[in-house]
């Protein structure tokens, strides 16, 4: 994983796991790698991964079975909520960048409609 200096590493890992859930890399009920495995995979300290897993548990995205591991929630509503949050973040960033580039809201909508039509 490539980390940037703009936000804490643990938050970047949380966001990556959320993206993987939305992209169905992880499915409801799937077991996440152990803290050690994830630390090796991401090349970060195991304490950081422990913090990631605790925060995901706190948010209801995962649940931990003592001695068994950490699992993705089976709650479809929670997963849809994650999908909506990520989409909102992407759209906000897109609109912000487009406006900074001088696009009006009307022009942004025209371009989005054009793109969607091409993708059909």
C-alpha atoms as a PDB file:
ATOM      1  CA  UNK A   1       0.000   0.000   0.000  1.00  0.00           C
ATOM      2  CA  UNK A   2       1.213   3.489  -0.817  1.00  0.00           C
ATOM      3  CA  UNK A   3       0.522   5.938   1.976  1.00  0.00           C
ATOM      4  CA  UNK A   4       0.339   9.698   1.716  1.00  0.00           C
ATOM      5  CA  UNK A   5       1.320  12.209   4.376  1.00  0.00           C
ATOM      6  CA  UNK A   6      -2.059  13.979   4.350  1.00  0.00           C
ATOM      7  CA  UNK A   7      -3.842  11.666   6.799  1.00  0.00           C
ATOM      8  CA  UNK A   8      -2.921   9.116   9.457  1.00  0.00           C
ATOM      9  CA  UNK A   9      -1.935   5.683   8.168  1.00  0.00           C
ATOM     10  CA  UNK A  10      -4.605   3.904  10.205  1.00  0.00           C
ATOM     11  CA  UNK A  11      -7.335   6.004   8.549  1.00  0.00           C
ATOM     12  CA  UNK A  12      -5.920   5.235   5.107  1.00  0.00           C
ATOM     13  CA  UNK A  13      -6.032   1.507   5.895  1.00  0.00           C
ATOM     14  CA  UNK A  14      -9.604   1.808   7.185  1.00  0.00           C
ATOM     15  CA  UNK A  15     -10.617   3.551   3.950  1.00  0.00           C
ATOM     16  CA  UNK A  16      -8.900   0.866   1.869  1.00  0.00           C
ATOM     17  CA  UNK A  17     -10.779  -1.887   3.716  1.00  0.00           C
ATOM     18  CA  UNK A  18     -14.047   0.004   3.220  1.00  0.00           C
ATOM     19  CA  UNK A  19     -13.299   0.315  -0.502  1.00  0.00           C
ATOM     20  CA  UNK A  20     -12.518  -3.397  -0.647  1.00  0.00           C
ATOM     21  CA  UNK A  21     -15.875  -4.156   0.986  1.00  0.00           C
ATOM     22  CA  UNK A  22     -17.723  -1.972  -1.531  1.00  0.00           C
ATOM     23  CA  UNK A  23     -15.774  -3.511  -4.443  1.00  0.00           C
ATOM     24  CA  UNK A  24     -16.644  -6.947  -3.020  1.00  0.00           C
ATOM     25  CA  UNK A  25     -13.032  -7.957  -2.460  1.00  0.00           C
ATOM     26  CA  UNK A  26     -14.371  -8.775   1.017  1.00  0.00           C
ATOM     27  CA  UNK A  27     -17.885 -10.169   1.354  1.00  0.00           C
ATOM     28  CA  UNK A  28     -20.227 -10.157   4.361  1.00  0.00           C
ATOM     29  CA  UNK A  29     -18.965 -12.697   6.878  1.00  0.00           C
ATOM     30  CA  UNK A  30     -15.460 -12.901   5.365  1.00  0.00           C
ATOM     31  CA  UNK A  31     -12.584 -13.121   7.798  1.00  0.00           C
ATOM     32  CA  UNK A  32      -9.989 -10.374   7.568  1.00  0.00           C
ATOM     33  CA  UNK A  33      -6.311 -11.319   7.713  1.00  0.00           C
ATOM     34  CA  UNK A  34      -4.916 -11.585  11.238  1.00  0.00           C
ATOM     35  CA  UNK A  35      -3.351  -8.475  12.737  1.00  0.00           C
ATOM     36  CA  UNK A  36       0.116  -9.890  12.007  1.00  0.00           C
ATOM     37  CA  UNK A  37      -0.758 -10.852   8.439  1.00  0.00           C
ATOM     38  CA  UNK A  38      -2.274  -7.453   7.705  1.00  0.00           C
ATOM     39  CA  UNK A  39       0.728  -5.708   9.296  1.00  0.00           C
ATOM     40  CA  UNK A  40       3.065  -7.628   6.993  1.00  0.00           C
ATOM     41  CA  UNK A  41       0.830  -7.032   3.963  1.00  0.00           C
ATOM     42  CA  UNK A  42       0.611  -3.277   4.585  1.00  0.00           C
ATOM     43  CA  UNK A  43       4.130  -2.981   6.026  1.00  0.00           C
ATOM     44  CA  UNK A  44       2.977  -1.163   9.157  1.00  0.00           C
ATOM     45  CA  UNK A  45       3.281  -1.815  12.860  1.00  0.00           C
ATOM     46  CA  UNK A  46       0.858  -4.454  14.232  1.00  0.00           C
ATOM     47  CA  UNK A  47      -0.345  -1.879  16.801  1.00  0.00           C
ATOM     48  CA  UNK A  48      -1.571   0.257  13.909  1.00  0.00           C
ATOM     49  CA  UNK A  49      -3.551  -2.679  12.491  1.00  0.00           C
ATOM     50  CA  UNK A  50      -4.966  -3.403  15.936  1.00  0.00           C
ATOM     51  CA  UNK A  51      -6.189   0.194  16.017  1.00  0.00           C
ATOM     52  CA  UNK A  52      -7.687  -0.232  12.521  1.00  0.00           C
ATOM     53  CA  UNK A  53      -9.588  -3.363  13.563  1.00  0.00           C
ATOM     54  CA  UNK A  54     -10.815  -1.748  16.788  1.00  0.00           C
ATOM     55  CA  UNK A  55     -12.116   1.269  14.867  1.00  0.00           C
ATOM     56  CA  UNK A  56     -13.828  -0.927  12.256  1.00  0.00           C
ATOM     57  CA  UNK A  57     -15.484  -2.849  15.112  1.00  0.00           C
ATOM     58  CA  UNK A  58     -16.543   0.426  16.757  1.00  0.00           C
ATOM     59  CA  UNK A  59     -18.115   1.577  13.487  1.00  0.00           C
ATOM     60  CA  UNK A  60     -19.991  -1.726  13.142  1.00  0.00           C
ATOM     61  CA  UNK A  61     -18.204  -2.607   9.906  1.00  0.00           C
ATOM     62  CA  UNK A  62     -16.568  -5.669  11.436  1.00  0.00           C
ATOM     63  CA  UNK A  63     -16.964  -7.817  14.505  1.00  0.00           C
ATOM     64  CA  UNK A  64     -14.291  -9.714  16.361  1.00  0.00           C
ATOM     65  CA  UNK A  65     -14.591 -13.193  17.794  1.00  0.00           C
ATOM     66  CA  UNK A  66     -12.020 -13.562  20.537  1.00  0.00           C
ATOM     67  CA  UNK A  67      -9.372 -16.035  19.474  1.00  0.00           C
ATOM     68  CA  UNK A  68     -11.016 -16.546  16.067  1.00  0.00           C
ATOM     69  CA  UNK A  69     -10.454 -13.292  14.201  1.00  0.00           C
ATOM     70  CA  UNK A  70     -12.152 -10.251  12.747  1.00  0.00           C
ATOM     71  CA  UNK A  71     -15.028 -10.623  10.284  1.00  0.00           C
ATOM     72  CA  UNK A  72     -16.912  -8.332   7.906  1.00  0.00           C
ATOM     73  CA  UNK A  73     -20.415  -7.520   9.095  1.00  0.00           C
ATOM     74  CA  UNK A  74     -23.367  -9.399   7.616  1.00  0.00           C
ATOM     75  CA  UNK A  75     -25.456  -6.225   7.901  1.00  0.00           C
ATOM     76  CA  UNK A  76     -26.323  -5.281   4.295  1.00  0.00           C
ATOM     77  CA  UNK A  77     -27.651  -1.907   5.482  1.00  0.00           C
ATOM     78  CA  UNK A  78     -24.259  -1.073   6.992  1.00  0.00           C
ATOM     79  CA  UNK A  79     -22.478  -2.098   3.788  1.00  0.00           C
ATOM     80  CA  UNK A  80     -24.833   0.072   1.698  1.00  0.00           C
ATOM     81  CA  UNK A  81     -24.166   2.919   4.121  1.00  0.00           C
ATOM     82  CA  UNK A  82     -20.414   2.539   3.487  1.00  0.00           C
ATOM     83  CA  UNK A  83     -21.048   2.516  -0.280  1.00  0.00           C
ATOM     84  CA  UNK A  84     -23.092   5.735  -0.038  1.00  0.00           C
ATOM     85  CA  UNK A  85     -20.462   7.455   2.118  1.00  0.00           C
ATOM     86  CA  UNK A  86     -17.690   6.592  -0.325  1.00  0.00           C
ATOM     87  CA  UNK A  87     -19.779   7.714  -3.313  1.00  0.00           C
ATOM     88  CA  UNK A  88     -20.582  11.016  -1.618  1.00  0.00           C
ATOM     89  CA  UNK A  89     -16.897  11.607  -0.937  1.00  0.00           C
ATOM     90  CA  UNK A  90     -16.006  10.895  -4.584  1.00  0.00           C
ATOM     91  CA  UNK A  91     -18.766  13.150  -5.954  1.00  0.00           C
ATOM     92  CA  UNK A  92     -17.863  16.015  -3.630  1.00  0.00           C
ATOM     93  CA  UNK A  93     -14.227  15.818  -4.688  1.00  0.00           C
ATOM     94  CA  UNK A  94     -15.177  15.590  -8.372  1.00  0.00           C
ATOM     95  CA  UNK A  95     -17.466  18.652  -8.197  1.00  0.00           C
ATOM     96  CA  UNK A  96     -14.890  20.615  -6.216  1.00  0.00           C
ATOM     97  CA  UNK A  97     -12.149  19.886  -8.778  1.00  0.00           C
ATOM     98  CA  UNK A  98     -14.460  20.619 -11.732  1.00  0.00           C
ATOM     99  CA  UNK A  99     -15.520  23.953 -10.237  1.00  0.00           C
ATOM    100  CA  UNK A 100     -11.876  24.890  -9.578  1.00  0.00           C
ATOM    101  CA  UNK A 101     -11.200  24.121 -13.242  1.00  0.00           C
ATOM    102  CA  UNK A 102     -13.816  26.699 -14.189  1.00  0.00           C
ATOM    103  CA  UNK A 103     -16.763  24.432 -14.956  1.00  0.00           C
ATOM    104  CA  UNK A 104     -20.221  25.710 -14.108  1.00  0.00           C
ATOM    105  CA  UNK A 105     -22.736  23.360 -12.502  1.00  0.00           C
ATOM    106  CA  UNK A 106     -24.635  23.238 -15.794  1.00  0.00           C
ATOM    107  CA  UNK A 107     -21.486  22.254 -17.696  1.00  0.00           C
ATOM    108  CA  UNK A 108     -20.607  19.627 -15.070  1.00  0.00           C
ATOM    109  CA  UNK A 109     -24.064  18.073 -15.477  1.00  0.00           C
ATOM    110  CA  UNK A 110     -23.771  18.164 -19.279  1.00  0.00           C
ATOM    111  CA  UNK A 111     -20.422  16.387 -19.142  1.00  0.00           C
ATOM    112  CA  UNK A 112     -21.689  13.756 -16.699  1.00  0.00           C
ATOM    113  CA  UNK A 113     -24.761  13.075 -18.860  1.00  0.00           C
ATOM    114  CA  UNK A 114     -22.572  12.836 -21.970  1.00  0.00           C
ATOM    115  CA  UNK A 115     -20.245  10.396 -20.243  1.00  0.00           C
ATOM    116  CA  UNK A 116     -23.100   8.264 -18.917  1.00  0.00           C
ATOM    117  CA  UNK A 117     -24.645   8.108 -22.391  1.00  0.00           C
ATOM    118  CA  UNK A 118     -21.311   6.975 -23.875  1.00  0.00           C
ATOM    119  CA  UNK A 119     -21.049   4.237 -21.227  1.00  0.00           C
ATOM    120  CA  UNK A 120     -24.482   2.745 -22.054  1.00  0.00           C
END
